[in-house]
Amino acid sequence: MQIDHDPKELSHKAIKIVALVATALIAAIAIPVVFGVSWAVNGLPDVVVFLLFGTFLGLTVGFFVGRWDGLRTHRTPGRDG
């Protein structure tokens, strides 16, 4: 019987175990964070929440507009290039 597996690579079973452990770890961290943020935001006045949301949205849009020239570096060359 011949095994078609490179001993330097992880087996499929090991990859599945690592994926399950990572999923459990992410869920164990994310659930308390989500509830904590929800609890903190619910305690803030609406004006502060809207200000924080607007600031975050503006900074995100500004980042992508500022990086608009960087998108050209990731294009695949077409007919003109």
Protein backbone atom coordinates (compact mmCIF):
# COMPACT_ATOMS: atom_id res chain seq x y z
CA MET A 1 0.00 0.00 0.00
CA GLN A 2 1.43 3.33 -1.07
CA ILE A 3 0.75 6.54 0.81
CA ASP A 4 0.50 9.67 -1.31
CA HIS A 5 1.26 12.15 1.47
CA ASP A 6 4.19 14.51 1.90
CA PRO A 7 5.36 14.19 5.52
CA LYS A 8 6.28 17.89 5.58
CA GLU A 9 2.64 18.92 5.01
CA LEU A 10 -0.23 18.73 7.48
CA SER A 11 -2.78 16.00 6.95
CA HIS A 12 -6.41 16.79 6.20
CA LYS A 13 -7.40 15.60 9.66
CA ALA A 14 -4.89 17.96 11.31
CA ILE A 15 -6.15 20.87 9.19
CA LYS A 16 -9.75 20.12 10.23
CA ILE A 17 -8.76 19.99 13.90
CA VAL A 18 -6.91 23.32 13.64
CA ALA A 19 -9.91 24.87 11.87
CA LEU A 20 -12.30 23.67 14.59
CA VAL A 21 -10.03 24.95 17.36
CA ALA A 22 -9.70 28.32 15.60
CA THR A 23 -13.49 28.53 15.15
CA ALA A 24 -14.10 27.76 18.83
CA LEU A 25 -11.49 30.29 19.90
CA ILE A 26 -12.92 33.01 17.67
CA ALA A 27 -16.45 32.33 18.97
CA ALA A 28 -15.22 32.33 22.58
CA ILE A 29 -13.67 35.75 22.08
CA ALA A 30 -16.20 37.33 19.70
CA ILE A 31 -19.40 36.63 21.66
CA PRO A 32 -18.36 38.48 24.85
CA VAL A 33 -16.89 41.33 22.79
CA VAL A 34 -20.12 41.76 20.82
CA PHE A 35 -22.24 41.77 23.97
CA GLY A 36 -19.83 44.14 25.71
CA VAL A 37 -19.85 46.60 22.82
CA SER A 38 -23.64 46.35 22.58
CA TRP A 39 -23.98 47.03 26.30
CA ALA A 40 -21.57 50.00 26.13
CA VAL A 41 -23.24 51.54 23.07
CA ASN A 42 -26.73 51.13 24.52
CA GLY A 43 -25.60 53.16 27.52
CA LEU A 44 -24.41 56.08 25.41
CA PRO A 45 -26.62 58.93 24.24
CA ASP A 46 -27.78 58.70 20.62
CA VAL A 47 -25.83 61.80 19.60
CA VAL A 48 -22.54 60.25 20.72
CA VAL A 49 -23.29 56.98 18.91
CA PHE A 50 -24.12 58.87 15.70
CA LEU A 51 -20.95 60.95 16.06
CA LEU A 52 -18.79 57.86 16.53
CA PHE A 53 -20.49 56.07 13.62
CA GLY A 54 -20.10 59.10 11.35
CA THR A 55 -16.46 59.51 12.28
CA PHE A 56 -15.74 55.84 11.63
CA LEU A 57 -17.60 55.95 8.32
CA GLY A 58 -15.82 59.14 7.24
CA LEU A 59 -12.40 57.76 8.10
CA THR A 60 -13.13 54.52 6.24
CA VAL A 61 -14.32 56.33 3.11
CA GLY A 62 -11.36 58.71 3.33
CA PHE A 63 -8.95 55.81 3.55
CA PHE A 64 -10.32 54.16 0.42
CA VAL A 65 -10.51 57.43 -1.51
CA GLY A 66 -6.92 58.16 -0.54
CA ARG A 67 -5.88 54.71 -1.71
CA TRP A 68 -7.76 54.99 -5.02
CA ASP A 69 -4.44 55.22 -6.89
CA GLY A 70 -3.30 52.07 -5.14
CA LEU A 71 -6.10 50.12 -6.78
CA ARG A 72 -4.47 50.63 -10.16
CA THR A 73 -1.44 48.64 -9.05
CA HIS A 74 -3.61 45.54 -8.55
CA ARG A 75 -5.22 45.59 -11.99
CA THR A 76 -4.42 42.92 -14.49
CA PRO A 77 -2.95 44.36 -17.66
CA GLY A 78 -5.54 44.81 -20.38
CA ARG A 79 -5.32 45.66 -24.02
CA ASP A 80 -3.65 49.00 -23.37
CA GLY A 81 -1.04 47.81 -20.92
